[in-house]
N, C-alpha and C. Protein backbone atom coordinates (compact mmCIF):
# COMPACT_ATOMS: atom_id res chain seq x y z
N MET A 1 95.60 34.77 89.82
CA MET A 1 96.49 35.54 88.99
C MET A 1 96.92 34.66 87.81
N ARG A 2 96.95 35.28 86.66
CA ARG A 2 97.34 34.56 85.44
C ARG A 2 98.52 35.28 84.82
N ILE A 3 99.58 34.55 84.51
CA ILE A 3 100.74 35.12 83.83
C ILE A 3 100.73 34.61 82.40
N ARG A 4 100.87 35.54 81.48
CA ARG A 4 100.85 35.18 80.05
C ARG A 4 101.81 36.08 79.29
N ARG A 5 102.09 35.67 78.07
CA ARG A 5 102.92 36.48 77.19
C ARG A 5 102.13 37.74 76.79
N ALA A 6 102.81 38.88 76.80
CA ALA A 6 102.16 40.13 76.41
C ALA A 6 101.87 40.13 74.91
N GLU A 7 100.81 40.82 74.54
CA GLU A 7 100.42 40.99 73.14
C GLU A 7 100.50 42.47 72.79
N PRO A 8 100.64 42.80 71.51
CA PRO A 8 100.73 44.22 71.13
C PRO A 8 99.60 45.08 71.68
N CYS A 9 98.41 44.52 71.81
CA CYS A 9 97.28 45.30 72.34
C CYS A 9 97.45 45.64 73.83
N ASP A 10 98.43 45.03 74.49
CA ASP A 10 98.71 45.30 75.90
C ASP A 10 99.68 46.47 76.10
N ALA A 11 100.23 47.01 75.03
CA ALA A 11 101.31 47.99 75.14
C ALA A 11 100.96 49.18 76.03
N GLU A 12 99.78 49.72 75.89
CA GLU A 12 99.41 50.89 76.69
C GLU A 12 99.31 50.53 78.18
N ALA A 13 98.68 49.42 78.49
CA ALA A 13 98.56 49.00 79.89
C ALA A 13 99.92 48.67 80.49
N VAL A 14 100.78 48.02 79.71
CA VAL A 14 102.13 47.71 80.18
C VAL A 14 102.89 49.00 80.46
N SER A 15 102.81 49.95 79.54
CA SER A 15 103.45 51.25 79.74
C SER A 15 102.96 51.91 81.02
N ASP A 16 101.64 51.87 81.24
CA ASP A 16 101.06 52.46 82.45
C ASP A 16 101.63 51.82 83.71
N VAL A 17 101.74 50.48 83.74
CA VAL A 17 102.28 49.79 84.91
C VAL A 17 103.73 50.19 85.14
N LEU A 18 104.53 50.19 84.08
CA LEU A 18 105.95 50.53 84.22
C LEU A 18 106.12 51.93 84.80
N ILE A 19 105.43 52.89 84.22
CA ILE A 19 105.56 54.29 84.65
C ILE A 19 105.01 54.48 86.07
N ALA A 20 103.85 53.89 86.36
CA ALA A 20 103.27 54.03 87.70
C ALA A 20 104.19 53.40 88.75
N SER A 21 104.79 52.27 88.43
CA SER A 21 105.69 51.61 89.36
C SER A 21 106.93 52.46 89.63
N ILE A 22 107.51 52.99 88.57
CA ILE A 22 108.71 53.83 88.73
C ILE A 22 108.38 55.05 89.58
N ILE A 23 107.30 55.74 89.24
CA ILE A 23 106.93 56.97 89.96
C ILE A 23 106.52 56.64 91.40
N GLY A 24 105.69 55.63 91.57
CA GLY A 24 105.09 55.37 92.87
C GLY A 24 105.91 54.53 93.82
N LEU A 25 106.80 53.69 93.30
CA LEU A 25 107.51 52.76 94.18
C LEU A 25 109.03 52.93 94.22
N CYS A 26 109.58 53.67 93.30
CA CYS A 26 111.04 53.73 93.19
C CYS A 26 111.64 55.06 93.63
N GLY A 27 111.00 55.70 94.61
CA GLY A 27 111.49 56.98 95.10
C GLY A 27 112.90 56.93 95.62
N ALA A 28 113.31 55.80 96.20
CA ALA A 28 114.68 55.67 96.70
C ALA A 28 115.69 55.75 95.56
N ASP A 29 115.23 55.46 94.36
CA ASP A 29 116.13 55.47 93.20
C ASP A 29 116.11 56.80 92.45
N HIS A 30 114.93 57.37 92.25
CA HIS A 30 114.87 58.63 91.49
C HIS A 30 114.84 59.86 92.38
N GLY A 31 114.66 59.66 93.68
CA GLY A 31 114.69 60.78 94.62
C GLY A 31 113.58 61.79 94.45
N GLY A 32 112.54 61.43 93.68
CA GLY A 32 111.46 62.37 93.44
C GLY A 32 111.85 63.53 92.54
N ILE A 33 113.00 63.43 91.91
CA ILE A 33 113.50 64.50 91.04
C ILE A 33 112.89 64.32 89.65
N PRO A 34 112.10 65.28 89.20
CA PRO A 34 111.40 65.14 87.91
C PRO A 34 112.33 64.77 86.74
N ALA A 35 113.51 65.33 86.68
CA ALA A 35 114.42 65.02 85.57
C ALA A 35 114.84 63.55 85.60
N ASN A 36 115.05 63.00 86.79
CA ASN A 36 115.42 61.58 86.91
C ASN A 36 114.26 60.69 86.47
N ILE A 37 113.05 61.05 86.90
CA ILE A 37 111.86 60.28 86.52
C ILE A 37 111.67 60.34 85.00
N LYS A 38 111.83 61.51 84.44
CA LYS A 38 111.66 61.68 82.99
C LYS A 38 112.67 60.82 82.22
N ARG A 39 113.93 60.81 82.66
CA ARG A 39 114.95 59.99 81.98
C ARG A 39 114.61 58.51 82.07
N TRP A 40 114.18 58.08 83.26
CA TRP A 40 113.92 56.67 83.50
C TRP A 40 112.69 56.19 82.74
N THR A 41 111.70 57.03 82.58
CA THR A 41 110.46 56.62 81.93
C THR A 41 110.42 56.95 80.44
N ALA A 42 111.44 57.62 79.94
CA ALA A 42 111.44 58.09 78.54
C ALA A 42 111.23 56.96 77.53
N ASN A 43 111.75 55.78 77.81
CA ASN A 43 111.62 54.68 76.85
C ASN A 43 110.49 53.72 77.23
N LYS A 44 109.55 54.18 78.04
CA LYS A 44 108.45 53.32 78.48
C LYS A 44 107.11 53.68 77.82
N ALA A 45 107.14 54.47 76.77
CA ALA A 45 105.92 54.87 76.05
C ALA A 45 105.33 53.65 75.34
N PRO A 46 104.02 53.65 75.11
CA PRO A 46 103.37 52.50 74.47
C PRO A 46 104.02 52.05 73.15
N GLY A 47 104.45 52.98 72.32
CA GLY A 47 105.09 52.59 71.05
C GLY A 47 106.35 51.79 71.25
N THR A 48 107.17 52.20 72.19
CA THR A 48 108.40 51.47 72.50
C THR A 48 108.07 50.12 73.12
N VAL A 49 107.12 50.10 74.02
CA VAL A 49 106.71 48.85 74.66
C VAL A 49 106.19 47.87 73.61
N GLU A 50 105.44 48.35 72.64
CA GLU A 50 104.95 47.46 71.58
C GLU A 50 106.11 46.84 70.80
N GLU A 51 107.16 47.61 70.56
CA GLU A 51 108.36 47.06 69.90
C GLU A 51 108.98 45.97 70.75
N TRP A 52 109.04 46.18 72.06
CA TRP A 52 109.59 45.15 72.96
C TRP A 52 108.75 43.88 72.89
N ILE A 53 107.44 44.04 72.87
CA ILE A 53 106.53 42.88 72.81
C ILE A 53 106.76 42.09 71.53
N LYS A 54 106.98 42.78 70.44
CA LYS A 54 107.16 42.13 69.13
C LYS A 54 108.57 41.57 68.92
N ASP A 55 109.52 41.94 69.76
CA ASP A 55 110.91 41.50 69.61
C ASP A 55 111.02 39.99 69.85
N PRO A 56 111.36 39.20 68.83
CA PRO A 56 111.41 37.75 69.02
C PRO A 56 112.56 37.29 69.93
N ALA A 57 113.52 38.15 70.19
CA ALA A 57 114.64 37.77 71.05
C ALA A 57 114.32 37.92 72.53
N SER A 58 113.22 38.58 72.85
CA SER A 58 112.83 38.82 74.24
C SER A 58 111.49 38.16 74.54
N THR A 59 111.26 37.94 75.82
CA THR A 59 109.97 37.45 76.28
C THR A 59 109.41 38.48 77.25
N LEU A 60 108.30 39.12 76.89
CA LEU A 60 107.65 40.09 77.75
C LEU A 60 106.36 39.47 78.25
N LEU A 61 106.20 39.44 79.57
CA LEU A 61 105.08 38.78 80.22
C LEU A 61 104.26 39.77 81.03
N VAL A 62 102.99 39.45 81.21
CA VAL A 62 102.14 40.24 82.09
C VAL A 62 101.43 39.31 83.06
N ALA A 63 101.19 39.82 84.26
CA ALA A 63 100.38 39.12 85.25
C ALA A 63 99.07 39.88 85.36
N GLU A 64 97.98 39.15 85.23
CA GLU A 64 96.65 39.75 85.30
C GLU A 64 95.92 39.29 86.55
N GLU A 65 95.20 40.21 87.13
CA GLU A 65 94.31 39.92 88.25
C GLU A 65 92.97 40.55 87.91
N ASP A 66 91.93 39.75 87.81
CA ASP A 66 90.60 40.24 87.45
C ASP A 66 90.63 41.04 86.15
N GLY A 67 91.40 40.57 85.17
CA GLY A 67 91.47 41.20 83.86
C GLY A 67 92.35 42.44 83.78
N GLU A 68 92.95 42.84 84.89
CA GLU A 68 93.82 44.02 84.90
C GLU A 68 95.29 43.59 84.98
N ILE A 69 96.14 44.21 84.18
CA ILE A 69 97.57 43.93 84.24
C ILE A 69 98.13 44.58 85.50
N VAL A 70 98.69 43.73 86.38
CA VAL A 70 99.21 44.23 87.65
C VAL A 70 100.73 44.11 87.76
N CYS A 71 101.35 43.36 86.86
CA CYS A 71 102.80 43.18 86.91
C CYS A 71 103.32 42.91 85.50
N VAL A 72 104.52 43.39 85.25
CA VAL A 72 105.16 43.22 83.95
C VAL A 72 106.56 42.65 84.18
N GLY A 73 106.89 41.63 83.43
CA GLY A 73 108.22 41.04 83.50
C GLY A 73 108.75 40.81 82.10
N ALA A 74 110.07 40.81 81.97
CA ALA A 74 110.67 40.52 80.67
C ALA A 74 112.06 39.94 80.88
N PHE A 75 112.43 39.06 79.95
CA PHE A 75 113.80 38.54 79.95
C PHE A 75 114.25 38.29 78.52
N ARG A 76 115.55 38.31 78.35
CA ARG A 76 116.18 38.00 77.07
C ARG A 76 117.36 37.11 77.39
N GLY A 77 117.33 35.90 76.88
CA GLY A 77 118.41 34.96 77.18
C GLY A 77 118.49 34.73 78.67
N ALA A 78 119.66 34.95 79.23
CA ALA A 78 119.90 34.72 80.66
C ALA A 78 119.71 35.97 81.50
N GLU A 79 119.15 37.03 80.93
CA GLU A 79 119.03 38.28 81.67
C GLU A 79 117.58 38.70 81.87
N ILE A 80 117.22 38.93 83.12
CA ILE A 80 115.91 39.49 83.42
C ILE A 80 116.02 40.99 83.21
N LEU A 81 115.12 41.52 82.39
CA LEU A 81 115.15 42.93 82.01
C LEU A 81 114.16 43.77 82.81
N LEU A 82 113.00 43.21 83.13
CA LEU A 82 111.93 43.96 83.81
C LEU A 82 111.24 43.07 84.82
N ASN A 83 110.83 43.69 85.93
CA ASN A 83 109.90 43.08 86.88
C ASN A 83 109.30 44.24 87.67
N TYR A 84 108.22 44.81 87.15
CA TYR A 84 107.58 45.99 87.74
C TYR A 84 106.15 45.65 88.12
N VAL A 85 105.72 46.15 89.25
CA VAL A 85 104.37 45.89 89.74
C VAL A 85 103.60 47.21 89.87
N ARG A 86 102.32 47.16 89.57
CA ARG A 86 101.46 48.32 89.77
C ARG A 86 101.46 48.64 91.26
N PRO A 87 101.59 49.91 91.66
CA PRO A 87 101.66 50.24 93.09
C PRO A 87 100.54 49.63 93.93
N ALA A 88 99.32 49.59 93.43
CA ALA A 88 98.20 49.02 94.20
C ALA A 88 98.36 47.52 94.41
N ALA A 89 99.21 46.86 93.62
CA ALA A 89 99.41 45.41 93.75
C ALA A 89 100.69 45.06 94.49
N ARG A 90 101.38 46.05 95.01
CA ARG A 90 102.60 45.79 95.76
C ARG A 90 102.26 44.91 96.97
N PHE A 91 103.14 43.96 97.25
CA PHE A 91 102.98 43.00 98.36
C PHE A 91 101.83 42.02 98.14
N SER A 92 101.34 41.92 96.91
CA SER A 92 100.27 40.96 96.61
C SER A 92 100.83 39.61 96.17
N GLY A 93 102.13 39.54 95.96
CA GLY A 93 102.75 38.32 95.46
C GLY A 93 102.93 38.32 93.96
N ALA A 94 102.49 39.37 93.28
CA ALA A 94 102.57 39.41 91.82
C ALA A 94 104.03 39.42 91.34
N SER A 95 104.87 40.24 91.93
CA SER A 95 106.28 40.30 91.51
C SER A 95 107.00 38.99 91.79
N LYS A 96 106.69 38.39 92.94
CA LYS A 96 107.31 37.11 93.30
C LYS A 96 106.88 36.03 92.31
N ALA A 97 105.58 36.01 91.96
CA ALA A 97 105.08 35.02 90.99
C ALA A 97 105.71 35.25 89.62
N MET A 98 105.85 36.52 89.23
CA MET A 98 106.45 36.84 87.94
C MET A 98 107.91 36.38 87.91
N LEU A 99 108.65 36.66 88.96
CA LEU A 99 110.05 36.26 89.01
C LEU A 99 110.18 34.74 88.93
N ALA A 100 109.38 34.03 89.70
CA ALA A 100 109.42 32.57 89.67
C ALA A 100 109.06 32.04 88.28
N HIS A 101 108.09 32.65 87.63
CA HIS A 101 107.69 32.25 86.28
C HIS A 101 108.85 32.45 85.30
N MET A 102 109.49 33.62 85.37
CA MET A 102 110.62 33.88 84.46
C MET A 102 111.76 32.91 84.70
N GLU A 103 112.05 32.63 85.97
CA GLU A 103 113.12 31.67 86.28
C GLU A 103 112.78 30.29 85.72
N ARG A 104 111.53 29.84 85.84
CA ARG A 104 111.12 28.54 85.27
C ARG A 104 111.28 28.52 83.75
N GLU A 105 110.85 29.62 83.10
CA GLU A 105 110.98 29.70 81.64
C GLU A 105 112.44 29.66 81.22
N MET A 106 113.30 30.33 81.96
CA MET A 106 114.73 30.30 81.64
C MET A 106 115.29 28.89 81.80
N ARG A 107 114.89 28.20 82.88
CA ARG A 107 115.34 26.82 83.08
C ARG A 107 114.92 25.95 81.89
N LYS A 108 113.67 26.11 81.43
CA LYS A 108 113.18 25.34 80.28
C LYS A 108 114.04 25.58 79.05
N GLN A 109 114.62 26.78 78.95
CA GLN A 109 115.48 27.12 77.82
C GLN A 109 116.92 26.66 78.04
N GLY A 110 117.18 25.99 79.15
CA GLY A 110 118.51 25.47 79.43
C GLY A 110 119.45 26.47 80.08
N ILE A 111 118.93 27.58 80.54
CA ILE A 111 119.77 28.59 81.18
C ILE A 111 120.07 28.12 82.60
N VAL A 112 121.36 28.11 82.94
CA VAL A 112 121.81 27.62 84.23
C VAL A 112 122.02 28.76 85.22
N GLU A 113 122.49 29.89 84.74
CA GLU A 113 122.72 31.04 85.61
C GLU A 113 122.12 32.28 84.98
N ALA A 114 121.29 32.96 85.76
CA ALA A 114 120.61 34.16 85.27
C ALA A 114 121.23 35.41 85.89
N ARG A 115 121.02 36.53 85.21
CA ARG A 115 121.52 37.82 85.67
C ARG A 115 120.39 38.84 85.64
N LEU A 116 120.59 39.87 86.43
CA LEU A 116 119.70 41.03 86.37
C LEU A 116 120.44 42.20 86.96
N THR A 117 119.91 43.37 86.72
CA THR A 117 120.43 44.58 87.33
C THR A 117 119.30 45.18 88.16
N SER A 118 119.51 45.19 89.46
CA SER A 118 118.47 45.64 90.38
C SER A 118 118.62 47.11 90.72
N THR A 119 117.50 47.73 91.00
CA THR A 119 117.50 49.06 91.60
C THR A 119 117.72 48.89 93.10
N ALA A 120 117.98 49.99 93.78
CA ALA A 120 118.08 49.95 95.24
C ALA A 120 116.74 49.52 95.84
N THR A 121 115.64 49.98 95.25
CA THR A 121 114.30 49.64 95.74
C THR A 121 114.06 48.14 95.74
N ALA A 122 114.48 47.44 94.69
CA ALA A 122 114.18 46.02 94.53
C ALA A 122 115.26 45.09 95.06
N HIS A 123 116.38 45.62 95.49
CA HIS A 123 117.52 44.78 95.88
C HIS A 123 117.14 43.77 96.97
N ARG A 124 116.48 44.19 98.02
CA ARG A 124 116.11 43.28 99.11
C ARG A 124 115.15 42.20 98.60
N PHE A 125 114.23 42.57 97.73
CA PHE A 125 113.29 41.61 97.14
C PHE A 125 114.05 40.49 96.43
N TYR A 126 115.03 40.85 95.59
CA TYR A 126 115.78 39.83 94.85
C TYR A 126 116.64 38.99 95.79
N ARG A 127 117.25 39.61 96.79
CA ARG A 127 118.05 38.85 97.76
C ARG A 127 117.17 37.81 98.46
N SER A 128 115.95 38.19 98.80
CA SER A 128 115.04 37.25 99.48
C SER A 128 114.62 36.10 98.57
N ALA A 129 114.77 36.29 97.25
CA ALA A 129 114.42 35.25 96.28
C ALA A 129 115.64 34.43 95.86
N GLY A 130 116.75 34.60 96.59
CA GLY A 130 117.93 33.78 96.32
C GLY A 130 118.94 34.37 95.36
N TRP A 131 118.75 35.61 94.97
CA TRP A 131 119.70 36.26 94.07
C TRP A 131 120.88 36.79 94.88
N THR A 132 122.05 36.80 94.25
CA THR A 132 123.29 37.21 94.90
C THR A 132 123.79 38.51 94.30
N TYR A 133 124.14 39.43 95.16
CA TYR A 133 124.73 40.70 94.73
C TYR A 133 126.14 40.42 94.22
N GLU A 134 126.46 40.97 93.08
CA GLU A 134 127.74 40.70 92.43
C GLU A 134 128.82 41.72 92.75
N GLY A 135 128.79 42.31 93.91
CA GLY A 135 129.89 43.18 94.32
C GLY A 135 129.58 44.65 94.23
N GLU A 136 130.60 45.40 94.30
CA GLU A 136 130.49 46.85 94.39
C GLU A 136 130.51 47.55 93.03
N GLN A 137 130.30 46.83 91.96
CA GLN A 137 130.34 47.43 90.63
C GLN A 137 129.02 48.08 90.25
N ALA A 138 128.42 48.77 91.16
CA ALA A 138 127.16 49.45 90.86
C ALA A 138 127.38 50.49 89.78
N LYS A 139 126.44 50.58 88.87
CA LYS A 139 126.52 51.55 87.77
C LYS A 139 125.20 52.29 87.69
N ALA A 140 125.19 53.39 87.02
CA ALA A 140 123.96 54.17 86.89
C ALA A 140 123.23 53.78 85.62
N ILE A 141 121.91 53.59 85.70
CA ILE A 141 121.08 53.38 84.52
C ILE A 141 119.96 54.41 84.59
N ASP A 142 120.04 55.38 83.72
CA ASP A 142 119.01 56.41 83.68
C ASP A 142 118.76 57.05 85.05
N GLY A 143 119.80 57.16 85.85
CA GLY A 143 119.66 57.84 87.13
C GLY A 143 119.77 56.94 88.33
N PRO A 144 118.97 55.86 88.43
CA PRO A 144 119.03 55.07 89.66
C PRO A 144 120.30 54.24 89.75
N GLN A 145 120.61 53.84 90.97
CA GLN A 145 121.75 52.96 91.18
C GLN A 145 121.40 51.60 90.57
N ALA A 146 122.35 50.98 89.93
CA ALA A 146 122.14 49.68 89.30
C ALA A 146 123.03 48.66 89.98
N LEU A 147 122.42 47.64 90.55
CA LEU A 147 123.14 46.65 91.33
C LEU A 147 123.11 45.31 90.60
N PRO A 148 124.26 44.86 90.07
CA PRO A 148 124.30 43.59 89.33
C PRO A 148 124.09 42.41 90.27
N MET A 149 123.23 41.47 89.84
CA MET A 149 122.93 40.29 90.63
C MET A 149 122.88 39.07 89.74
N SER A 150 123.02 37.89 90.37
CA SER A 150 122.93 36.65 89.61
C SER A 150 122.30 35.57 90.48
N LYS A 151 121.85 34.51 89.80
CA LYS A 151 121.26 33.37 90.50
C LYS A 151 121.48 32.12 89.69
N ARG A 152 121.92 31.08 90.35
CA ARG A 152 122.06 29.77 89.73
C ARG A 152 120.66 29.15 89.68
N LEU A 153 120.23 28.74 88.50
CA LEU A 153 118.86 28.26 88.31
C LEU A 153 118.72 26.75 88.40
N SER A 154 119.81 26.04 88.29
CA SER A 154 119.68 24.57 88.31
C SER A 154 119.96 24.00 89.67
């Protein structure tokens, strides 16, 4: 598996991974309700993803296996924004490798404590990677429950 910075030509494949992951793996969050899925995926179109890739304030990464993008991660400053895996690559270690890669990159930038907002689906995954739930201040983001988490990186 190779993790690299996303390029504008990756926008369509990145969009596909994000949408497939939301639809296929996040049922606990969207409940299979089409309106919830539509809200959550509305900003995941290739054009929007290309803007994210070009944003100099963010780092958008992809993990490739045999030339196929299987995982997408992104962070801005001390906040992890994305960590989505293609359903066929679930439990392959791609998300874990992506998270570790983002944490290393943040450390290189001098970030001591990172934050993220987890879905219910991913909460156990982040807890197993040493992330701490920040209390009962769950909020809604485009439908799914949003669970604030943090991790000391140093």
